[in-house]
Amino acid sequence: QVQLVESGGGLVQAGGSLRLSCAASRHTFSMYRMGWFRQAPGKEREFVASITWSGGRTYYVDSVKGRFTISRDSAKNTVYLQMNSLKPEETAVYYCALDPSGTGYDYWGQGTQVTVSS
């Protein structure tokens, strides 16, 4: 069983930055991609960014392009989300997730709260 542990959330003023980390408890045989999602109060969970493990291809939701950067450290089985120019409407619980084979995100972290004050 794989466990994903997020860290790095917190309170930041609008325009500020945070860096989230997500460490996988062990390397699975297959790690196709990892992603970040977020869920604001009263809203559905939404995709934020993803990165393929072998090729490092990245994908972002349009609203964060140019401000957020996803990266990975293969040696540490860790994925990061650098978030700059944060907006109050991006206050949410941020989750990381692992897709082992390209068919869907099977493993999820417990989430980390990000609060952006205006």
PDB file of N, CA and C in Angstrom:
ATOM      1  N   GLN A   1       0.845  -1.190   0.000  1.00  0.00           N
ATOM      2  CA  GLN A   1       0.000   0.000   0.000  1.00  0.00           C
ATOM      3  C   GLN A   1       0.884   1.244   0.000  1.00  0.00           C
ATOM      4  N   VAL A   2       0.498   2.212  -0.789  1.00  0.00           N
ATOM      5  CA  VAL A   2       1.245   3.463  -0.873  1.00  0.00           C
ATOM      6  C   VAL A   2       0.549   4.515  -0.040  1.00  0.00           C
ATOM      7  N   GLN A   3       1.317   5.241   0.723  1.00  0.00           N
ATOM      8  CA  GLN A   3       0.771   6.384   1.446  1.00  0.00           C
ATOM      9  C   GLN A   3       1.391   7.658   0.896  1.00  0.00           C
ATOM     10  N   LEU A   4       0.542   8.662   0.740  1.00  0.00           N
ATOM     11  CA  LEU A   4       0.993   9.968   0.269  1.00  0.00           C
ATOM     12  C   LEU A   4       0.813  10.967   1.404  1.00  0.00           C
ATOM     13  N   VAL A   5       1.873  11.691   1.703  1.00  0.00           N
ATOM     14  CA  VAL A   5       1.823  12.633   2.813  1.00  0.00           C
ATOM     15  C   VAL A   5       2.165  14.024   2.299  1.00  0.00           C
ATOM     16  N   GLU A   6       1.182  14.919   2.391  1.00  0.00           N
ATOM     17  CA  GLU A   6       1.385  16.296   1.958  1.00  0.00           C
ATOM     18  C   GLU A   6       1.882  17.158   3.106  1.00  0.00           C
ATOM     19  N   SER A   7       2.563  18.211   2.747  1.00  0.00           N
ATOM     20  CA  SER A   7       2.988  19.208   3.723  1.00  0.00           C
ATOM     21  C   SER A   7       3.188  20.531   3.006  1.00  0.00           C
ATOM     22  N   GLY A   8       3.290  21.595   3.802  1.00  0.00           N
ATOM     23  CA  GLY A   8       3.593  22.893   3.226  1.00  0.00           C
ATOM     24  C   GLY A   8       2.429  23.856   3.150  1.00  0.00           C
ATOM     25  N   GLY A   9       1.250  23.414   3.523  1.00  0.00           N
ATOM     26  CA  GLY A   9       0.126  24.329   3.510  1.00  0.00           C
ATOM     27  C   GLY A   9       0.236  25.351   4.619  1.00  0.00           C
ATOM     28  N   GLY A  10      -0.673  26.313   4.588  1.00  0.00           N
ATOM     29  CA  GLY A  10      -0.665  27.332   5.628  1.00  0.00           C
ATOM     30  C   GLY A  10      -1.443  28.555   5.220  1.00  0.00           C
ATOM     31  N   LEU A  11      -1.213  29.625   5.946  1.00  0.00           N
ATOM     32  CA  LEU A  11      -1.883  30.901   5.715  1.00  0.00           C
ATOM     33  C   LEU A  11      -0.912  31.855   5.035  1.00  0.00           C
ATOM     34  N   VAL A  12      -1.381  32.479   3.971  1.00  0.00           N
ATOM     35  CA  VAL A  12      -0.541  33.420   3.231  1.00  0.00           C
ATOM     36  C   VAL A  12      -1.413  34.565   2.743  1.00  0.00           C
ATOM     37  N   GLN A  13      -0.829  35.715   2.609  1.00  0.00           N
ATOM     38  CA  GLN A  13      -1.558  36.854   2.079  1.00  0.00           C
ATOM     39  C   GLN A  13      -1.671  36.749   0.560  1.00  0.00           C
ATOM     40  N   ALA A  14      -2.679  37.390   0.036  1.00  0.00           N
ATOM     41  CA  ALA A  14      -2.848  37.431  -1.416  1.00  0.00           C
ATOM     42  C   ALA A  14      -1.571  37.973  -2.065  1.00  0.00           C
ATOM     43  N   GLY A  15      -1.167  37.303  -3.140  1.00  0.00           N
ATOM     44  CA  GLY A  15       0.069  37.670  -3.805  1.00  0.00           C
ATOM     45  C   GLY A  15       1.278  36.921  -3.300  1.00  0.00           C
ATOM     46  N   GLY A  16       1.107  36.192  -2.221  1.00  0.00           N
ATOM     47  CA  GLY A  16       2.208  35.460  -1.637  1.00  0.00           C
ATOM     48  C   GLY A  16       2.428  34.106  -2.287  1.00  0.00           C
ATOM     49  N   SER A  17       3.360  33.368  -1.707  1.00  0.00           N
ATOM     50  CA  SER A  17       3.756  32.080  -2.270  1.00  0.00           C
ATOM     51  C   SER A  17       3.765  30.992  -1.203  1.00  0.00           C
ATOM     52  N   LEU A  18       3.532  29.783  -1.643  1.00  0.00           N
ATOM     53  CA  LEU A  18       3.665  28.591  -0.811  1.00  0.00           C
ATOM     54  C   LEU A  18       4.219  27.475  -1.675  1.00  0.00           C
ATOM     55  N   ARG A  19       4.900  26.545  -1.032  1.00  0.00           N
ATOM     56  CA  ARG A  19       5.393  25.361  -1.737  1.00  0.00           C
ATOM     57  C   ARG A  19       4.870  24.126  -1.020  1.00  0.00           C
ATOM     58  N   LEU A  20       4.073  23.357  -1.740  1.00  0.00           N
ATOM     59  CA  LEU A  20       3.541  22.114  -1.199  1.00  0.00           C
ATOM     60  C   LEU A  20       4.444  20.947  -1.595  1.00  0.00           C
ATOM     61  N   SER A  21       4.515  19.986  -0.690  1.00  0.00           N
ATOM     62  CA  SER A  21       5.275  18.765  -0.967  1.00  0.00           C
ATOM     63  C   SER A  21       4.379  17.556  -0.741  1.00  0.00           C
ATOM     64  N   CYS A  22       4.656  16.510  -1.479  1.00  0.00           N
ATOM     65  CA  CYS A  22       3.918  15.264  -1.310  1.00  0.00           C
ATOM     66  C   CYS A  22       4.905  14.119  -1.467  1.00  0.00           C
ATOM     67  N   ALA A  23       5.081  13.375  -0.395  1.00  0.00           N
ATOM     68  CA  ALA A  23       6.028  12.266  -0.413  1.00  0.00           C
ATOM     69  C   ALA A  23       5.280  10.944  -0.425  1.00  0.00           C
ATOM     70  N   ALA A  24       5.669  10.070  -1.336  1.00  0.00           N
ATOM     71  CA  ALA A  24       5.111   8.723  -1.380  1.00  0.00           C
ATOM     72  C   ALA A  24       5.905   7.847  -0.429  1.00  0.00           C
ATOM     73  N   SER A  25       5.183   7.007   0.329  1.00  0.00           N
ATOM     74  CA  SER A  25       5.846   6.230   1.381  1.00  0.00           C
ATOM     75  C   SER A  25       6.827   5.225   0.826  1.00  0.00           C
ATOM     76  N   ARG A  26       6.573   4.758  -0.367  1.00  0.00           N
ATOM     77  CA  ARG A  26       7.515   3.856  -0.997  1.00  0.00           C
ATOM     78  C   ARG A  26       7.336   3.940  -2.496  1.00  0.00           C
ATOM     79  N   HIS A  27       8.352   3.547  -3.190  1.00  0.00           N
ATOM     80  CA  HIS A  27       8.281   3.576  -4.644  1.00  0.00           C
ATOM     81  C   HIS A  27       7.500   2.368  -5.109  1.00  0.00           C
ATOM     82  N   THR A  28       6.418   2.641  -5.830  1.00  0.00           N
ATOM     83  CA  THR A  28       5.670   1.540  -6.413  1.00  0.00           C
ATOM     84  C   THR A  28       6.351   1.089  -7.692  1.00  0.00           C
ATOM     85  N   PHE A  29       6.048  -0.088  -8.111  1.00  0.00           N
ATOM     86  CA  PHE A  29       6.628  -0.595  -9.352  1.00  0.00           C
ATOM     87  C   PHE A  29       6.305   0.345 -10.501  1.00  0.00           C
ATOM     88  N   SER A  30       5.113   0.878 -10.471  1.00  0.00           N
ATOM     89  CA  SER A  30       4.686   1.783 -11.521  1.00  0.00           C
ATOM     90  C   SER A  30       4.237   3.100 -10.920  1.00  0.00           C
ATOM     91  N   MET A  31       4.843   4.182 -11.388  1.00  0.00           N
ATOM     92  CA  MET A  31       4.398   5.521 -10.988  1.00  0.00           C
ATOM     93  C   MET A  31       4.253   6.319 -12.261  1.00  0.00           C
ATOM     94  N   TYR A  32       3.101   6.248 -12.877  1.00  0.00           N
ATOM     95  CA  TYR A  32       2.912   6.899 -14.164  1.00  0.00           C
ATOM     96  C   TYR A  32       2.900   8.421 -14.031  1.00  0.00           C
ATOM     97  N   ARG A  33       2.108   8.919 -13.103  1.00  0.00           N
ATOM     98  CA  ARG A  33       2.036  10.359 -12.924  1.00  0.00           C
ATOM     99  C   ARG A  33       1.546  10.677 -11.523  1.00  0.00           C
ATOM    100  N   MET A  34       1.835  11.884 -11.092  1.00  0.00           N
ATOM    101  CA  MET A  34       1.279  12.402  -9.847  1.00  0.00           C
ATOM    102  C   MET A  34       0.630  13.739 -10.130  1.00  0.00           C
ATOM    103  N   GLY A  35      -0.371  14.044  -9.345  1.00  0.00           N
ATOM    104  CA  GLY A  35      -1.112  15.266  -9.573  1.00  0.00           C
ATOM    105  C   GLY A  35      -1.482  15.975  -8.289  1.00  0.00           C
ATOM    106  N   TRP A  36      -1.856  17.213  -8.448  1.00  0.00           N
ATOM    107  CA  TRP A  36      -2.394  18.021  -7.354  1.00  0.00           C
ATOM    108  C   TRP A  36      -3.821  18.426  -7.713  1.00  0.00           C
ATOM    109  N   PHE A  37      -4.675  18.321  -6.724  1.00  0.00           N
ATOM    110  CA  PHE A  37      -6.060  18.726  -6.844  1.00  0.00           C
ATOM    111  C   PHE A  37      -6.376  19.648  -5.672  1.00  0.00           C
ATOM    112  N   ARG A  38      -7.477  20.348  -5.748  1.00  0.00           N
ATOM    113  CA  ARG A  38      -7.901  21.190  -4.631  1.00  0.00           C
ATOM    114  C   ARG A  38      -9.422  21.188  -4.531  1.00  0.00           C
ATOM    115  N   GLN A  39      -9.872  21.396  -3.306  1.00  0.00           N
ATOM    116  CA  GLN A  39     -11.307  21.453  -3.059  1.00  0.00           C
ATOM    117  C   GLN A  39     -11.599  22.590  -2.099  1.00  0.00           C
ATOM    118  N   ALA A  40     -12.323  23.567  -2.603  1.00  0.00           N
ATOM    119  CA  ALA A  40     -12.742  24.704  -1.789  1.00  0.00           C
ATOM    120  C   ALA A  40     -14.062  24.363  -1.105  1.00  0.00           C
ATOM    121  N   PRO A  41     -14.386  25.038  -0.012  1.00  0.00           N
ATOM    122  CA  PRO A  41     -15.631  24.759   0.695  1.00  0.00           C
ATOM    123  C   PRO A  41     -16.842  24.904  -0.225  1.00  0.00           C
ATOM    124  N   GLY A  42     -17.669  23.893  -0.233  1.00  0.00           N
ATOM    125  CA  GLY A  42     -18.885  23.930  -1.024  1.00  0.00           C
ATOM    126  C   GLY A  42     -18.693  23.695  -2.504  1.00  0.00           C
ATOM    127  N   LYS A  43     -17.471  23.362  -2.901  1.00  0.00           N
ATOM    128  CA  LYS A  43     -17.203  23.144  -4.321  1.00  0.00           C
ATOM    129  C   LYS A  43     -16.654  21.738  -4.550  1.00  0.00           C
ATOM    130  N   GLU A  44     -16.698  21.315  -5.793  1.00  0.00           N
ATOM    131  CA  GLU A  44     -16.158  20.016  -6.148  1.00  0.00           C
ATOM    132  C   GLU A  44     -14.633  20.085  -6.223  1.00  0.00           C
ATOM    133  N   ARG A  45     -14.036  18.932  -6.051  1.00  0.00           N
ATOM    134  CA  ARG A  45     -12.592  18.850  -6.189  1.00  0.00           C
ATOM    135  C   ARG A  45     -12.213  19.121  -7.638  1.00  0.00           C
ATOM    136  N   GLU A  46     -11.163  19.908  -7.838  1.00  0.00           N
ATOM    137  CA  GLU A  46     -10.748  20.221  -9.192  1.00  0.00           C
ATOM    138  C   GLU A  46      -9.264  19.921  -9.401  1.00  0.00           C
ATOM    139  N   PHE A  47      -8.953  19.571 -10.629  1.00  0.00           N
ATOM    140  CA  PHE A  47      -7.580  19.327 -11.024  1.00  0.00           C
ATOM    141  C   PHE A  47      -6.799  20.638 -11.038  1.00  0.00           C
ATOM    142  N   VAL A  48      -5.551  20.569 -10.563  1.00  0.00           N
ATOM    143  CA  VAL A  48      -4.687  21.740 -10.577  1.00  0.00           C
ATOM    144  C   VAL A  48      -3.496  21.530 -11.519  1.00  0.00           C
ATOM    145  N   ALA A  49      -2.774  20.432 -11.304  1.00  0.00           N
ATOM    146  CA  ALA A  49      -1.570  20.191 -12.101  1.00  0.00           C
ATOM    147  C   ALA A  49      -1.183  18.725 -11.994  1.00  0.00           C
ATOM    148  N   SER A  50      -0.431  18.252 -12.988  1.00  0.00           N
ATOM    149  CA  SER A  50       0.087  16.889 -12.933  1.00  0.00           C
ATOM    150  C   SER A  50       1.432  16.823 -13.635  1.00  0.00           C
ATOM    151  N   ILE A  51       2.157  15.752 -13.329  1.00  0.00           N
ATOM    152  CA  ILE A  51       3.461  15.541 -13.938  1.00  0.00           C
ATOM    153  C   ILE A  51       3.667  14.056 -14.156  1.00  0.00           C
ATOM    154  N   THR A  52       4.129  13.683 -15.328  1.00  0.00           N
ATOM    155  CA  THR A  52       4.433  12.281 -15.574  1.00  0.00           C
ATOM    156  C   THR A  52       5.773  11.951 -14.936  1.00  0.00           C
ATOM    157  N   TRP A  53       5.868  10.767 -14.389  1.00  0.00           N
ATOM    158  CA  TRP A  53       7.044  10.455 -13.590  1.00  0.00           C
ATOM    159  C   TRP A  53       8.293  10.242 -14.431  1.00  0.00           C
ATOM    160  N   SER A  54       8.147   9.569 -15.558  1.00  0.00           N
ATOM    161  CA  SER A  54       9.348   9.270 -16.329  1.00  0.00           C
ATOM    162  C   SER A  54       9.762  10.430 -17.225  1.00  0.00           C
ATOM    163  N   GLY A  55       8.821  11.034 -17.916  1.00  0.00           N
ATOM    164  CA  GLY A  55       9.174  12.092 -18.851  1.00  0.00           C
ATOM    165  C   GLY A  55       9.100  13.493 -18.291  1.00  0.00           C
ATOM    166  N   GLY A  56       8.461  13.643 -17.147  1.00  0.00           N
ATOM    167  CA  GLY A  56       8.350  14.961 -16.554  1.00  0.00           C
ATOM    168  C   GLY A  56       7.431  15.919 -17.296  1.00  0.00           C
ATOM    169  N   ARG A  57       6.508  15.372 -18.085  1.00  0.00           N
ATOM    170  CA  ARG A  57       5.564  16.251 -18.783  1.00  0.00           C
ATOM    171  C   ARG A  57       4.575  16.824 -17.778  1.00  0.00           C
ATOM    172  N   THR A  58       4.325  18.097 -17.918  1.00  0.00           N
ATOM    173  CA  THR A  58       3.464  18.782 -16.967  1.00  0.00           C
ATOM    174  C   THR A  58       2.191  19.290 -17.624  1.00  0.00           C
ATOM    175  N   TYR A  59       1.143  19.340 -16.815  1.00  0.00           N
ATOM    176  CA  TYR A  59      -0.152  19.835 -17.258  1.00  0.00           C
ATOM    177  C   TYR A  59      -0.723  20.694 -16.135  1.00  0.00           C
ATOM    178  N   TYR A  60      -1.411  21.770 -16.536  1.00  0.00           N
ATOM    179  CA  TYR A  60      -1.979  22.695 -15.566  1.00  0.00           C
ATOM    180  C   TYR A  60      -3.388  23.098 -15.967  1.00  0.00           C
ATOM    181  N   VAL A  61      -4.202  23.361 -14.965  1.00  0.00           N
ATOM    182  CA  VAL A  61      -5.468  24.009 -15.253  1.00  0.00           C
ATOM    183  C   VAL A  61      -5.150  25.434 -15.696  1.00  0.00           C
ATOM    184  N   ASP A  62      -5.949  25.959 -16.586  1.00  0.00           N
ATOM    185  CA  ASP A  62      -5.636  27.267 -17.174  1.00  0.00           C
ATOM    186  C   ASP A  62      -5.457  28.360 -16.127  1.00  0.00           C
ATOM    187  N   SER A  63      -6.234  28.300 -15.062  1.00  0.00           N
ATOM    188  CA  SER A  63      -6.231  29.386 -14.086  1.00  0.00           C
ATOM    189  C   SER A  63      -4.913  29.518 -13.315  1.00  0.00           C
ATOM    190  N   VAL A  64      -4.066  28.501 -13.350  1.00  0.00           N
ATOM    191  CA  VAL A  64      -2.812  28.578 -12.595  1.00  0.00           C
ATOM    192  C   VAL A  64      -1.581  28.659 -13.486  1.00  0.00           C
ATOM    193  N   LYS A  65      -1.777  28.560 -14.777  1.00  0.00           N
ATOM    194  CA  LYS A  65      -0.630  28.600 -15.690  1.00  0.00           C
ATOM    195  C   LYS A  65       0.145  29.910 -15.521  1.00  0.00           C
ATOM    196  N   GLY A  66       1.446  29.780 -15.442  1.00  0.00           N
ATOM    197  CA  GLY A  66       2.301  30.944 -15.255  1.00  0.00           C
ATOM    198  C   GLY A  66       2.522  31.319 -13.807  1.00  0.00           C
ATOM    199  N   ARG A  67       1.749  30.729 -12.898  1.00  0.00           N
ATOM    200  CA  ARG A  67       1.906  31.048 -11.473  1.00  0.00           C
ATOM    201  C   ARG A  67       2.317  29.825 -10.648  1.00  0.00           C
ATOM    202  N   PHE A  68       1.831  28.652 -11.018  1.00  0.00           N
ATOM    203  CA  PHE A  68       2.135  27.420 -10.291  1.00  0.00           C
ATOM    204  C   PHE A  68       3.122  26.587 -11.111  1.00  0.00           C
ATOM    205  N   THR A  69       3.975  25.878 -10.408  1.00  0.00           N
ATOM    206  CA  THR A  69       4.916  24.971 -11.059  1.00  0.00           C
ATOM    207  C   THR A  69       4.937  23.645 -10.313  1.00  0.00           C
ATOM    208  N   ILE A  70       4.695  22.572 -11.044  1.00  0.00           N
ATOM    209  CA  ILE A  70       4.784  21.235 -10.469  1.00  0.00           C
ATOM    210  C   ILE A  70       6.119  20.632 -10.860  1.00  0.00           C
ATOM    211  N   SER A  71       6.735  19.924  -9.916  1.00  0.00           N
ATOM    212  CA  SER A  71       8.016  19.286 -10.186  1.00  0.00           C
ATOM    213  C   SER A  71       8.107  18.023  -9.354  1.00  0.00           C
ATOM    214  N   ARG A  72       9.107  17.212  -9.656  1.00  0.00           N
ATOM    215  CA  ARG A  72       9.262  15.967  -8.899  1.00  0.00           C
ATOM    216  C   ARG A  72      10.734  15.706  -8.635  1.00  0.00           C
ATOM    217  N   ASP A  73      10.958  14.960  -7.547  1.00  0.00           N
ATOM    218  CA  ASP A  73      12.288  14.464  -7.211  1.00  0.00           C
ATOM    219  C   ASP A  73      12.169  12.953  -7.168  1.00  0.00           C
ATOM    220  N   SER A  74      12.608  12.316  -8.218  1.00  0.00           N
ATOM    221  CA  SER A  74      12.437  10.872  -8.324  1.00  0.00           C
ATOM    222  C   SER A  74      13.160  10.124  -7.214  1.00  0.00           C
ATOM    223  N   ALA A  75      14.306  10.611  -6.814  1.00  0.00           N
ATOM    224  CA  ALA A  75      15.083   9.926  -5.779  1.00  0.00           C
ATOM    225  C   ALA A  75      14.355   9.927  -4.442  1.00  0.00           C
ATOM    226  N   LYS A  76      13.545  10.953  -4.228  1.00  0.00           N
ATOM    227  CA  LYS A  76      12.821  11.081  -2.958  1.00  0.00           C
ATOM    228  C   LYS A  76      11.360  10.678  -3.078  1.00  0.00           C
ATOM    229  N   ASN A  77      10.938  10.241  -4.269  1.00  0.00           N
ATOM    230  CA  ASN A  77       9.517   9.895  -4.503  1.00  0.00           C
ATOM    231  C   ASN A  77       8.614  11.033  -4.044  1.00  0.00           C
ATOM    232  N   THR A  78       8.993  12.247  -4.383  1.00  0.00           N
ATOM    233  CA  THR A  78       8.291  13.428  -3.894  1.00  0.00           C
ATOM    234  C   THR A  78       7.923  14.334  -5.059  1.00  0.00           C
ATOM    235  N   VAL A  79       6.731  14.887  -4.968  1.00  0.00           N
ATOM    236  CA  VAL A  79       6.275  15.862  -5.947  1.00  0.00           C
ATOM    237  C   VAL A  79       6.016  17.173  -5.216  1.00  0.00           C
ATOM    238  N   TYR A  80       6.276  18.267  -5.904  1.00  0.00           N
ATOM    239  CA  TYR A  80       6.133  19.594  -5.314  1.00  0.00           C
ATOM    240  C   TYR A  80       5.160  20.437  -6.134  1.00  0.00           C
ATOM    241  N   LEU A  81       4.575  21.403  -5.474  1.00  0.00           N
ATOM    242  CA  LEU A  81       3.762  22.393  -6.164  1.00  0.00           C
ATOM    243  C   LEU A  81       4.160  23.760  -5.629  1.00  0.00           C
ATOM    244  N   GLN A  82       4.888  24.505  -6.449  1.00  0.00           N
ATOM    245  CA  GLN A  82       5.245  25.864  -6.102  1.00  0.00           C
ATOM    246  C   GLN A  82       4.124  26.779  -6.563  1.00  0.00           C
ATOM    247  N   MET A  83       3.556  27.513  -5.623  1.00  0.00           N
ATOM    248  CA  MET A  83       2.411  28.371  -5.924  1.00  0.00           C
ATOM    249  C   MET A  83       2.793  29.813  -5.659  1.00  0.00           C
ATOM    250  N   ASN A  84       2.760  30.620  -6.693  1.00  0.00           N
ATOM    251  CA  ASN A  84       3.082  32.040  -6.589  1.00  0.00           C
ATOM    252  C   ASN A  84       1.861  32.883  -6.919  1.00  0.00           C
ATOM    253  N   SER A  85       1.898  34.116  -6.485  1.00  0.00           N
ATOM    254  CA  SER A  85       0.807  35.065  -6.758  1.00  0.00           C
ATOM    255  C   SER A  85      -0.541  34.473  -6.374  1.00  0.00           C
ATOM    256  N   LEU A  86      -0.627  33.934  -5.200  1.00  0.00           N
ATOM    257  CA  LEU A  86      -1.852  33.276  -4.758  1.00  0.00           C
ATOM    258  C   LEU A  86      -2.993  34.264  -4.596  1.00  0.00           C
ATOM    259  N   LYS A  87      -4.183  33.756  -4.861  1.00  0.00           N
ATOM    260  CA  LYS A  87      -5.394  34.569  -4.801  1.00  0.00           C
ATOM    261  C   LYS A  87      -6.307  34.040  -3.698  1.00  0.00           C
ATOM    262  N   PRO A  88      -7.127  34.905  -3.104  1.00  0.00           N
ATOM    263  CA  PRO A  88      -8.032  34.443  -2.038  1.00  0.00           C
ATOM    264  C   PRO A  88      -8.953  33.311  -2.492  1.00  0.00           C
ATOM    265  N   GLU A  89      -9.375  33.332  -3.737  1.00  0.00           N
ATOM    266  CA  GLU A  89     -10.284  32.295  -4.228  1.00  0.00           C
ATOM    267  C   GLU A  89      -9.594  30.944  -4.383  1.00  0.00           C
ATOM    268  N   GLU A  90      -8.289  30.904  -4.160  1.00  0.00           N
ATOM    269  CA  GLU A  90      -7.571  29.627  -4.213  1.00  0.00           C
ATOM    270  C   GLU A  90      -7.442  28.982  -2.833  1.00  0.00           C
ATOM    271  N   THR A  91      -8.113  29.574  -1.874  1.00  0.00           N
ATOM    272  CA  THR A  91      -8.213  28.936  -0.570  1.00  0.00           C
ATOM    273  C   THR A  91      -8.939  27.601  -0.720  1.00  0.00           C
ATOM    274  N   ALA A  92      -8.286  26.541  -0.260  1.00  0.00           N
ATOM    275  CA  ALA A  92      -8.836  25.204  -0.449  1.00  0.00           C
ATOM    276  C   ALA A  92      -7.970  24.196   0.292  1.00  0.00           C
ATOM    277  N   VAL A  93      -8.475  22.985   0.354  1.00  0.00           N
ATOM    278  CA  VAL A  93      -7.640  21.866   0.769  1.00  0.00           C
ATOM    279  C   VAL A  93      -6.996  21.307  -0.503  1.00  0.00           C
ATOM    280  N   TYR A  94      -5.700  21.194  -0.473  1.00  0.00           N
ATOM    281  CA  TYR A  94      -4.950  20.703  -1.620  1.00  0.00           C
ATOM    282  C   TYR A  94      -4.553  19.253  -1.375  1.00  0.00           C
ATOM    283  N   TYR A  95      -4.819  18.418  -2.368  1.00  0.00           N
ATOM    284  CA  TYR A  95      -4.533  16.992  -2.281  1.00  0.00           C
ATOM    285  C   TYR A  95      -3.539  16.588  -3.368  1.00  0.00           C
ATOM    286  N   CYS A  96      -2.644  15.702  -3.026  1.00  0.00           N
ATOM    287  CA  CYS A  96      -1.852  15.070  -4.069  1.00  0.00           C
ATOM    288  C   CYS A  96      -2.395  13.666  -4.315  1.00  0.00           C
ATOM    289  N   ALA A  97      -2.121  13.177  -5.497  1.00  0.00           N
ATOM    290  CA  ALA A  97      -2.642  11.879  -5.891  1.00  0.00           C
ATOM    291  C   ALA A  97      -1.662  11.192  -6.827  1.00  0.00           C
ATOM    292  N   LEU A  98      -1.722   9.878  -6.805  1.00  0.00           N
ATOM    293  CA  LEU A  98      -0.831   9.056  -7.625  1.00  0.00           C
ATOM    294  C   LEU A  98      -1.645   8.200  -8.583  1.00  0.00           C
ATOM    295  N   ASP A  99      -1.251   8.248  -9.841  1.00  0.00           N
ATOM    296  CA  ASP A  99      -1.826   7.375 -10.874  1.00  0.00           C
ATOM    297  C   ASP A  99      -0.735   6.377 -11.238  1.00  0.00           C
ATOM    298  N   PRO A 100      -0.851   5.140 -10.809  1.00  0.00           N
ATOM    299  CA  PRO A 100       0.246   4.188 -11.033  1.00  0.00           C
ATOM    300  C   PRO A 100       0.425   3.761 -12.483  1.00  0.00           C
ATOM    301  N   SER A 101      -0.683   3.706 -13.238  1.00  0.00           N
ATOM    302  CA  SER A 101      -0.591   3.076 -14.552  1.00  0.00           C
ATOM    303  C   SER A 101      -1.189   3.895 -15.675  1.00  0.00           C
ATOM    304  N   GLY A 102      -1.649   5.083 -15.400  1.00  0.00           N
ATOM    305  CA  GLY A 102      -2.234   5.895 -16.452  1.00  0.00           C
ATOM    306  C   GLY A 102      -3.726   5.726 -16.603  1.00  0.00           C
ATOM    307  N   THR A 103      -4.331   4.971 -15.695  1.00  0.00           N
ATOM    308  CA  THR A 103      -5.770   4.721 -15.809  1.00  0.00           C
ATOM    309  C   THR A 103      -6.585   5.469 -14.772  1.00  0.00           C
ATOM    310  N   GLY A 104      -5.917   6.182 -13.907  1.00  0.00           N
ATOM    311  CA  GLY A 104      -6.653   6.957 -12.918  1.00  0.00           C
ATOM    312  C   GLY A 104      -5.871   7.096 -11.625  1.00  0.00           C
ATOM    313  N   TYR A 105      -6.272   8.060 -10.842  1.00  0.00           N
ATOM    314  CA  TYR A 105      -5.583   8.330  -9.570  1.00  0.00           C
ATOM    315  C   TYR A 105      -6.134   7.387  -8.501  1.00  0.00           C
ATOM    316  N   ASP A 106      -5.348   6.418  -8.139  1.00  0.00           N
ATOM    317  CA  ASP A 106      -5.790   5.394  -7.195  1.00  0.00           C
ATOM    318  C   ASP A 106      -5.435   5.720  -5.753  1.00  0.00           C
ATOM    319  N   TYR A 107      -4.443   6.560  -5.554  1.00  0.00           N
ATOM    320  CA  TYR A 107      -3.975   6.863  -4.208  1.00  0.00           C
ATOM    321  C   TYR A 107      -4.051   8.371  -3.974  1.00  0.00           C
ATOM    322  N   TRP A 108      -4.522   8.716  -2.761  1.00  0.00           N
ATOM    323  CA  TRP A 108      -4.703  10.124  -2.414  1.00  0.00           C
ATOM    324  C   TRP A 108      -4.087  10.406  -1.060  1.00  0.00           C
ATOM    325  N   GLY A 109      -3.569  11.623  -0.930  1.00  0.00           N
ATOM    326  CA  GLY A 109      -3.097  12.066   0.363  1.00  0.00           C
ATOM    327  C   GLY A 109      -4.255  12.563   1.213  1.00  0.00           C
ATOM    328  N   GLN A 110      -3.926  12.966   2.432  1.00  0.00           N
ATOM    329  CA  GLN A 110      -4.962  13.402   3.370  1.00  0.00           C
ATOM    330  C   GLN A 110      -5.353  14.855   3.168  1.00  0.00           C
ATOM    331  N   GLY A 111      -4.559  15.581   2.398  1.00  0.00           N
ATOM    332  CA  GLY A 111      -4.861  16.978   2.118  1.00  0.00           C
ATOM    333  C   GLY A 111      -4.130  17.929   3.039  1.00  0.00           C
ATOM    334  N   THR A 112      -3.850  19.104   2.522  1.00  0.00           N
ATOM    335  CA  THR A 112      -3.234  20.152   3.318  1.00  0.00           C
ATOM    336  C   THR A 112      -3.967  21.465   3.026  1.00  0.00           C
ATOM    337  N   GLN A 113      -4.278  22.197   4.080  1.00  0.00           N
ATOM    338  CA  GLN A 113      -5.065  23.420   3.946  1.00  0.00           C
ATOM    339  C   GLN A 113      -4.191  24.572   3.477  1.00  0.00           C
ATOM    340  N   VAL A 114      -4.686  25.263   2.472  1.00  0.00           N
ATOM    341  CA  VAL A 114      -4.075  26.501   2.008  1.00  0.00           C
ATOM    342  C   VAL A 114      -5.115  27.604   2.154  1.00  0.00           C
ATOM    343  N   THR A 115      -4.769  28.628   2.899  1.00  0.00           N
ATOM    344  CA  THR A 115      -5.671  29.753   3.113  1.00  0.00           C
ATOM    345  C   THR A 115      -4.984  31.017   2.636  1.00  0.00           C
ATOM    346  N   VAL A 116      -5.631  31.712   1.718  1.00  0.00           N
ATOM    347  CA  VAL A 116      -5.088  32.941   1.163  1.00  0.00           C
ATOM    348  C   VAL A 116      -5.967  34.097   1.638  1.00  0.00           C
ATOM    349  N   SER A 117      -5.401  34.969   2.416  1.00  0.00           N
ATOM    350  CA  SER A 117      -6.164  36.096   2.955  1.00  0.00           C
ATOM    351  C   SER A 117      -6.075  37.303   2.023  1.00  0.00           C
ATOM    352  N   SER A 118      -7.132  38.068   2.020  1.00  0.00           N
ATOM    353  CA  SER A 118      -7.173  39.238   1.126  1.00  0.00           C
ATOM    354  C   SER A 118      -6.655  40.480   1.823  1.00  0.00           C
TER     355      SER A 118
END
